């Protein structure tokens, strides 16, 4: 496990401020163990696209949907739509960022979708794992948004 994992939980403050204290209880910060466990069955199964600096290589799996949105607000809308279109809005989804100092979170899908822009703001790149569907959704800072099935080991 990375010793720097989650050392900047204050990065999540804009999200917590936006959702309010009544819904804050619905969001949990993953422990390093949970982050490692969820990562091993989702985002860490993808190879890295060598043409980028960290994006997932989607050529190894079935892509559910992929598009590029150059407008940030449009990208946030599409990301939110992909979340609720691919899982039960009440299901917990796991959010990872491209920077390990930001702790990963578990959050209800509907809340993640409603705050997709904030999830994008927290880190340059974001991956949302839908455990009930074995799908990962990636927002890559270039505006590329991809939803795809998790590859086999």
Foldseek 3Di string as FASTA:
>chain_A
DDPLAQQPQVLCVVLDVVVDPVQNVQKDFDDPVRVVVVCVLAVVLFDADPVDDGDGDPPQFDWPDKDFDQDLVVLLQVVLVVLVVQAPQQAWKWKDAPDRNHTIMTHRSNSCSVCSSSSCVSHVKMWIARVVRQWIWIQHNRRMITITHRHDD
